[in-house]
Amino acid sequence: MDVIYSLIPGMMFFGVLFVIVLVWAVKKGQYEDMEGSANRILLDDDDDLLHDADKDRNAGADKK
């Protein structure tokens, strides 16, 4: 039971630290670029990329 008296302040410290880091990240704009390369890897939009690649290949073939 004595360990709970040391865990509660420790968890409160980590909770406050988490909130501070979250506010810092929001102010720095970490969540504003939802279409950037960091999030594009998570999206499943391979069809659009394949169509763009095919268009590029066809455009290159038309020039020859």
N, C-alpha and C. Protein backbone atom coordinates (compact mmCIF):
# COMPACT_ATOMS: atom_id res chain seq x y z
N MET A 1 0.82 -1.20 0.00
CA MET A 1 0.00 0.00 0.00
C MET A 1 0.86 1.26 0.00
N ASP A 2 2.09 1.13 0.50
CA ASP A 2 2.95 2.31 0.54
C ASP A 2 3.41 2.73 -0.84
N VAL A 3 3.46 1.76 -1.75
CA VAL A 3 3.94 2.09 -3.09
C VAL A 3 2.95 3.01 -3.82
N ILE A 4 1.68 2.94 -3.48
CA ILE A 4 0.68 3.78 -4.14
C ILE A 4 0.93 5.26 -3.86
N TYR A 5 1.52 5.56 -2.71
CA TYR A 5 1.79 6.96 -2.39
C TYR A 5 2.92 7.53 -3.24
N SER A 6 3.76 6.68 -3.78
CA SER A 6 4.80 7.18 -4.67
C SER A 6 4.36 7.09 -6.13
N LEU A 7 3.44 6.18 -6.47
CA LEU A 7 3.00 6.07 -7.86
C LEU A 7 2.04 7.19 -8.27
N ILE A 8 1.21 7.62 -7.38
CA ILE A 8 0.24 8.68 -7.73
C ILE A 8 0.94 9.97 -8.14
N PRO A 9 1.89 10.49 -7.37
CA PRO A 9 2.59 11.71 -7.86
C PRO A 9 3.38 11.46 -9.13
N GLY A 10 3.94 10.27 -9.27
CA GLY A 10 4.68 9.96 -10.49
C GLY A 10 3.79 9.97 -11.71
N MET A 11 2.61 9.39 -11.61
CA MET A 11 1.68 9.38 -12.74
C MET A 11 1.12 10.77 -13.01
N MET A 12 0.93 11.56 -11.96
CA MET A 12 0.49 12.94 -12.17
C MET A 12 1.58 13.73 -12.91
N PHE A 13 2.84 13.47 -12.59
CA PHE A 13 3.95 14.13 -13.28
C PHE A 13 3.96 13.76 -14.76
N PHE A 14 3.82 12.47 -15.06
CA PHE A 14 3.82 12.05 -16.46
C PHE A 14 2.59 12.57 -17.21
N GLY A 15 1.45 12.68 -16.54
CA GLY A 15 0.25 13.24 -17.16
C GLY A 15 0.45 14.70 -17.53
N VAL A 16 1.01 15.47 -16.62
CA VAL A 16 1.27 16.89 -16.90
C VAL A 16 2.31 17.02 -18.00
N LEU A 17 3.32 16.17 -17.98
CA LEU A 17 4.35 16.19 -19.03
C LEU A 17 3.73 15.87 -20.40
N PHE A 18 2.81 14.92 -20.44
CA PHE A 18 2.14 14.57 -21.69
C PHE A 18 1.33 15.75 -22.21
N VAL A 19 0.61 16.43 -21.35
CA VAL A 19 -0.20 17.57 -21.78
C VAL A 19 0.70 18.69 -22.31
N ILE A 20 1.83 18.92 -21.64
CA ILE A 20 2.76 19.96 -22.10
C ILE A 20 3.32 19.63 -23.48
N VAL A 21 3.69 18.38 -23.69
CA VAL A 21 4.22 17.97 -25.01
C VAL A 21 3.13 18.07 -26.07
N LEU A 22 1.90 17.71 -25.73
CA LEU A 22 0.80 17.80 -26.68
C LEU A 22 0.53 19.24 -27.08
N VAL A 23 0.50 20.15 -26.12
CA VAL A 23 0.28 21.57 -26.42
C VAL A 23 1.43 22.11 -27.26
N TRP A 24 2.65 21.71 -26.94
CA TRP A 24 3.82 22.15 -27.72
C TRP A 24 3.72 21.66 -29.17
N ALA A 25 3.32 20.42 -29.36
CA ALA A 25 3.22 19.87 -30.71
C ALA A 25 2.13 20.57 -31.51
N VAL A 26 1.01 20.88 -30.88
CA VAL A 26 -0.07 21.57 -31.59
C VAL A 26 0.36 22.97 -31.97
N LYS A 27 1.06 23.67 -31.08
CA LYS A 27 1.52 25.03 -31.39
C LYS A 27 2.57 25.04 -32.48
N LYS A 28 3.37 24.00 -32.59
CA LYS A 28 4.40 23.92 -33.63
C LYS A 28 3.84 23.48 -34.97
N GLY A 29 2.54 23.10 -35.01
CA GLY A 29 1.92 22.75 -36.28
C GLY A 29 2.14 21.32 -36.71
N GLN A 30 2.35 20.43 -35.77
CA GLN A 30 2.59 19.03 -36.12
C GLN A 30 1.37 18.36 -36.73
N TYR A 31 0.18 18.89 -36.46
CA TYR A 31 -1.05 18.25 -36.94
C TYR A 31 -1.72 19.02 -38.06
N GLU A 32 -1.06 20.04 -38.62
CA GLU A 32 -1.68 20.86 -39.65
C GLU A 32 -1.52 20.27 -41.05
N ASP A 33 -0.42 19.60 -41.31
CA ASP A 33 -0.16 19.05 -42.64
C ASP A 33 -0.68 17.62 -42.71
N MET A 34 -1.97 17.47 -42.99
CA MET A 34 -2.57 16.14 -43.03
C MET A 34 -2.37 15.46 -44.38
N GLU A 35 -1.84 16.16 -45.37
CA GLU A 35 -1.59 15.58 -46.68
C GLU A 35 -0.10 15.43 -46.95
N GLY A 36 0.73 15.66 -45.96
CA GLY A 36 2.17 15.60 -46.15
C GLY A 36 2.67 14.17 -46.30
N SER A 37 3.95 14.08 -46.54
CA SER A 37 4.53 12.76 -46.79
C SER A 37 4.48 11.86 -45.56
N ALA A 38 4.48 12.43 -44.37
CA ALA A 38 4.42 11.61 -43.17
C ALA A 38 3.08 10.90 -43.04
N ASN A 39 2.01 11.51 -43.51
CA ASN A 39 0.69 10.88 -43.43
C ASN A 39 0.33 10.13 -44.70
N ARG A 40 0.96 10.47 -45.81
CA ARG A 40 0.67 9.78 -47.06
C ARG A 40 1.03 8.30 -46.99
N ILE A 41 2.03 7.97 -46.19
CA ILE A 41 2.44 6.57 -46.08
C ILE A 41 1.37 5.75 -45.36
N LEU A 42 0.55 6.41 -44.55
CA LEU A 42 -0.48 5.71 -43.80
C LEU A 42 -1.77 5.55 -44.59
N LEU A 43 -1.96 6.36 -45.61
CA LEU A 43 -3.19 6.32 -46.38
C LEU A 43 -3.14 5.21 -47.42
N ASP A 44 -4.29 4.68 -47.77
CA ASP A 44 -4.36 3.60 -48.73
C ASP A 44 -4.91 4.13 -50.05
N ASP A 45 -4.19 5.06 -50.64
CA ASP A 45 -4.61 5.66 -51.89
C ASP A 45 -3.68 5.25 -53.01
N ASP A 46 -3.37 3.99 -53.10
CA ASP A 46 -2.44 3.52 -54.12
C ASP A 46 -3.02 3.65 -55.51
N ASP A 47 -4.34 3.58 -55.65
CA ASP A 47 -4.96 3.68 -56.96
C ASP A 47 -4.65 5.01 -57.62
N ASP A 48 -4.72 6.12 -56.86
CA ASP A 48 -4.42 7.43 -57.42
C ASP A 48 -2.97 7.50 -57.87
N LEU A 49 -2.07 6.92 -57.08
CA LEU A 49 -0.65 6.97 -57.45
C LEU A 49 -0.40 6.14 -58.70
N LEU A 50 -1.08 5.00 -58.82
CA LEU A 50 -0.89 4.16 -60.00
C LEU A 50 -1.41 4.86 -61.25
N HIS A 51 -2.55 5.54 -61.12
CA HIS A 51 -3.10 6.26 -62.27
C HIS A 51 -2.17 7.39 -62.68
N ASP A 52 -1.58 8.09 -61.72
CA ASP A 52 -0.64 9.16 -62.04
C ASP A 52 0.60 8.61 -62.73
N ALA A 53 1.08 7.46 -62.27
CA ALA A 53 2.26 6.85 -62.88
C ALA A 53 1.94 6.42 -64.31
N ASP A 54 0.75 5.88 -64.54
CA ASP A 54 0.36 5.48 -65.90
C ASP A 54 0.26 6.69 -66.80
N LYS A 55 -0.28 7.81 -66.29
CA LYS A 55 -0.39 9.03 -67.09
C LYS A 55 0.99 9.53 -67.48
N ASP A 56 1.94 9.47 -66.53
CA ASP A 56 3.30 9.92 -66.82
C ASP A 56 3.94 9.04 -67.90
N ARG A 57 3.72 7.73 -67.80
CA ARG A 57 4.28 6.83 -68.80
C ARG A 57 3.67 7.09 -70.18
N ASN A 58 2.36 7.29 -70.20
CA ASN A 58 1.69 7.54 -71.48
C ASN A 58 2.11 8.88 -72.06
N ALA A 59 2.32 9.88 -71.22
CA ALA A 59 2.76 11.19 -71.70
C ALA A 59 4.16 11.08 -72.28
N GLY A 60 5.01 10.26 -71.66
CA GLY A 60 6.37 10.07 -72.17
C GLY A 60 6.36 9.30 -73.47
N ALA A 61 5.44 8.35 -73.62
CA ALA A 61 5.35 7.56 -74.84
C ALA A 61 4.81 8.40 -75.99
N ASP A 62 3.92 9.34 -75.68
CA ASP A 62 3.36 10.19 -76.72
C ASP A 62 4.39 11.15 -77.29
N LYS A 63 5.36 11.57 -76.49
CA LYS A 63 6.36 12.52 -76.95
C LYS A 63 7.35 11.87 -77.92
N LYS A 64 7.51 10.54 -77.80
CA LYS A 64 8.50 9.87 -78.67
C LYS A 64 8.01 9.71 -80.04
